[in-house]
Amino acid sequence: MRRVQAACLNQTLHFLLKDDIEHDEAVAQVEVEVKEYKEYLLKKQIPHKILEEIRKEDGTVILKVKKQVNGYDVGEYLE
């Protein structure tokens, strides 16, 4: 028999610009979206660790996150 002792999910999220709006407005929207995602993790009390946040020259943002998956214990993953 197997039992999951600890589990984490590594995600790389790329927050992209919308094509149908002006560049500056699209960059501002990406910043809001990134902020809202971080607030969501905190509000839902999802154990997580932001490993890297990269702001690209085109205004997009790449966020590398390690977070709890399906309520499993995260063990030492987030230390």
C-alpha atoms as a PDB file:
ATOM      1  CA  MET A   1       0.000   0.000   0.000  1.00  0.00           C
ATOM      2  CA  ARG A   2       1.165   3.554  -0.759  1.00  0.00           C
ATOM      3  CA  ARG A   3       0.408   6.666   1.179  1.00  0.00           C
ATOM      4  CA  VAL A   4       1.353  10.217   0.213  1.00  0.00           C
ATOM      5  CA  GLN A   5       3.406  11.657   3.055  1.00  0.00           C
ATOM      6  CA  ALA A   6       4.022  15.086   1.565  1.00  0.00           C
ATOM      7  CA  ALA A   7       3.291  16.767  -1.745  1.00  0.00           C
ATOM      8  CA  CYS A   8       3.862  20.099  -3.443  1.00  0.00           C
ATOM      9  CA  LEU A   9       3.143  21.446  -6.878  1.00  0.00           C
ATOM     10  CA  ASN A  10       5.733  23.456  -8.802  1.00  0.00           C
ATOM     11  CA  GLN A  11       4.124  25.881 -11.230  1.00  0.00           C
ATOM     12  CA  THR A  12       5.508  28.337 -13.720  1.00  0.00           C
ATOM     13  CA  LEU A  13       2.825  30.903 -14.519  1.00  0.00           C
ATOM     14  CA  HIS A  14       3.234  33.312 -17.431  1.00  0.00           C
ATOM     15  CA  PHE A  15       0.964  36.337 -17.106  1.00  0.00           C
ATOM     16  CA  LEU A  16       0.489  37.524 -20.688  1.00  0.00           C
ATOM     17  CA  LEU A  17      -0.557  40.865 -22.159  1.00  0.00           C
ATOM     18  CA  LYS A  18      -3.939  41.186 -23.816  1.00  0.00           C
ATOM     19  CA  ASP A  19      -3.650  41.868 -27.534  1.00  0.00           C
ATOM     20  CA  ASP A  20      -6.733  44.025 -27.993  1.00  0.00           C
ATOM     21  CA  ILE A  21      -5.725  46.931 -25.717  1.00  0.00           C
ATOM     22  CA  GLU A  22      -2.955  49.537 -25.582  1.00  0.00           C
ATOM     23  CA  HIS A  23       0.428  48.247 -24.368  1.00  0.00           C
ATOM     24  CA  ASP A  24       0.665  50.413 -21.232  1.00  0.00           C
ATOM     25  CA  GLU A  25      -2.840  49.427 -20.155  1.00  0.00           C
ATOM     26  CA  ALA A  26      -2.085  45.744 -20.818  1.00  0.00           C
ATOM     27  CA  VAL A  27       1.065  45.950 -18.661  1.00  0.00           C
ATOM     28  CA  ALA A  28      -0.945  47.568 -15.863  1.00  0.00           C
ATOM     29  CA  GLN A  29      -3.532  44.788 -16.090  1.00  0.00           C
ATOM     30  CA  VAL A  30      -0.809  42.145 -15.826  1.00  0.00           C
ATOM     31  CA  GLU A  31       0.494  43.815 -12.668  1.00  0.00           C
ATOM     32  CA  VAL A  32      -3.013  43.759 -11.183  1.00  0.00           C
ATOM     33  CA  GLU A  33      -3.462  40.109 -12.161  1.00  0.00           C
ATOM     34  CA  VAL A  34      -0.171  39.117 -10.493  1.00  0.00           C
ATOM     35  CA  LYS A  35      -1.104  41.019  -7.332  1.00  0.00           C
ATOM     36  CA  GLU A  36      -4.562  39.407  -7.262  1.00  0.00           C
ATOM     37  CA  TYR A  37      -3.051  35.927  -7.663  1.00  0.00           C
ATOM     38  CA  LYS A  38      -0.709  36.505  -4.720  1.00  0.00           C
ATOM     39  CA  GLU A  39      -3.610  37.840  -2.631  1.00  0.00           C
ATOM     40  CA  TYR A  40      -5.691  34.787  -3.580  1.00  0.00           C
ATOM     41  CA  LEU A  41      -2.988  32.456  -2.235  1.00  0.00           C
ATOM     42  CA  LEU A  42      -2.894  34.390   1.028  1.00  0.00           C
ATOM     43  CA  LYS A  43      -6.679  34.708   1.356  1.00  0.00           C
ATOM     44  CA  LYS A  44      -7.226  30.991   0.781  1.00  0.00           C
ATOM     45  CA  GLN A  45      -4.323  30.270   3.158  1.00  0.00           C
ATOM     46  CA  ILE A  46      -2.643  28.032   0.616  1.00  0.00           C
ATOM     47  CA  PRO A  47       0.856  27.229   1.850  1.00  0.00           C
ATOM     48  CA  HIS A  48       3.196  28.454  -0.880  1.00  0.00           C
ATOM     49  CA  LYS A  49       6.599  29.856  -1.671  1.00  0.00           C
ATOM     50  CA  ILE A  50       7.337  32.187  -4.574  1.00  0.00           C
ATOM     51  CA  LEU A  51      10.589  30.891  -5.988  1.00  0.00           C
ATOM     52  CA  GLU A  52      11.107  33.523  -8.669  1.00  0.00           C
ATOM     53  CA  GLU A  53       9.319  36.501 -10.180  1.00  0.00           C
ATOM     54  CA  ILE A  54      10.611  37.651 -13.555  1.00  0.00           C
ATOM     55  CA  ARG A  55       9.429  40.818 -15.250  1.00  0.00           C
ATOM     56  CA  LYS A  56      10.155  40.536 -18.951  1.00  0.00           C
ATOM     57  CA  GLU A  57      10.966  43.505 -21.202  1.00  0.00           C
ATOM     58  CA  ASP A  58       7.628  43.170 -22.996  1.00  0.00           C
ATOM     59  CA  GLY A  59       5.745  43.707 -19.714  1.00  0.00           C
ATOM     60  CA  THR A  60       4.749  40.098 -19.081  1.00  0.00           C
ATOM     61  CA  VAL A  61       5.513  38.419 -15.758  1.00  0.00           C
ATOM     62  CA  ILE A  62       6.716  34.882 -15.101  1.00  0.00           C
ATOM     63  CA  LEU A  63       6.011  33.619 -11.603  1.00  0.00           C
ATOM     64  CA  LYS A  64       7.543  30.381 -10.338  1.00  0.00           C
ATOM     65  CA  VAL A  65       5.610  29.059  -7.355  1.00  0.00           C
ATOM     66  CA  LYS A  66       5.788  26.016  -5.121  1.00  0.00           C
ATOM     67  CA  LYS A  67       2.478  25.404  -3.359  1.00  0.00           C
ATOM     68  CA  GLN A  68       0.404  22.882  -1.493  1.00  0.00           C
ATOM     69  CA  VAL A  69      -1.632  20.505  -3.604  1.00  0.00           C
ATOM     70  CA  ASN A  70      -5.011  19.004  -2.610  1.00  0.00           C
ATOM     71  CA  GLY A  71      -4.548  19.675   1.093  1.00  0.00           C
ATOM     72  CA  TYR A  72      -1.655  17.224   1.436  1.00  0.00           C
ATOM     73  CA  ASP A  73       1.001  17.931   4.028  1.00  0.00           C
ATOM     74  CA  VAL A  74       3.847  19.955   2.462  1.00  0.00           C
ATOM     75  CA  GLY A  75       6.527  18.435   4.672  1.00  0.00           C
ATOM     76  CA  GLU A  76       9.901  20.136   4.160  1.00  0.00           C
ATOM     77  CA  TYR A  77       9.095  21.353   0.642  1.00  0.00           C
ATOM     78  CA  LEU A  78       8.457  24.961   1.671  1.00  0.00           C
ATOM     79  CA  GLU A  79      11.427  25.392   4.003  1.00  0.00           C
END
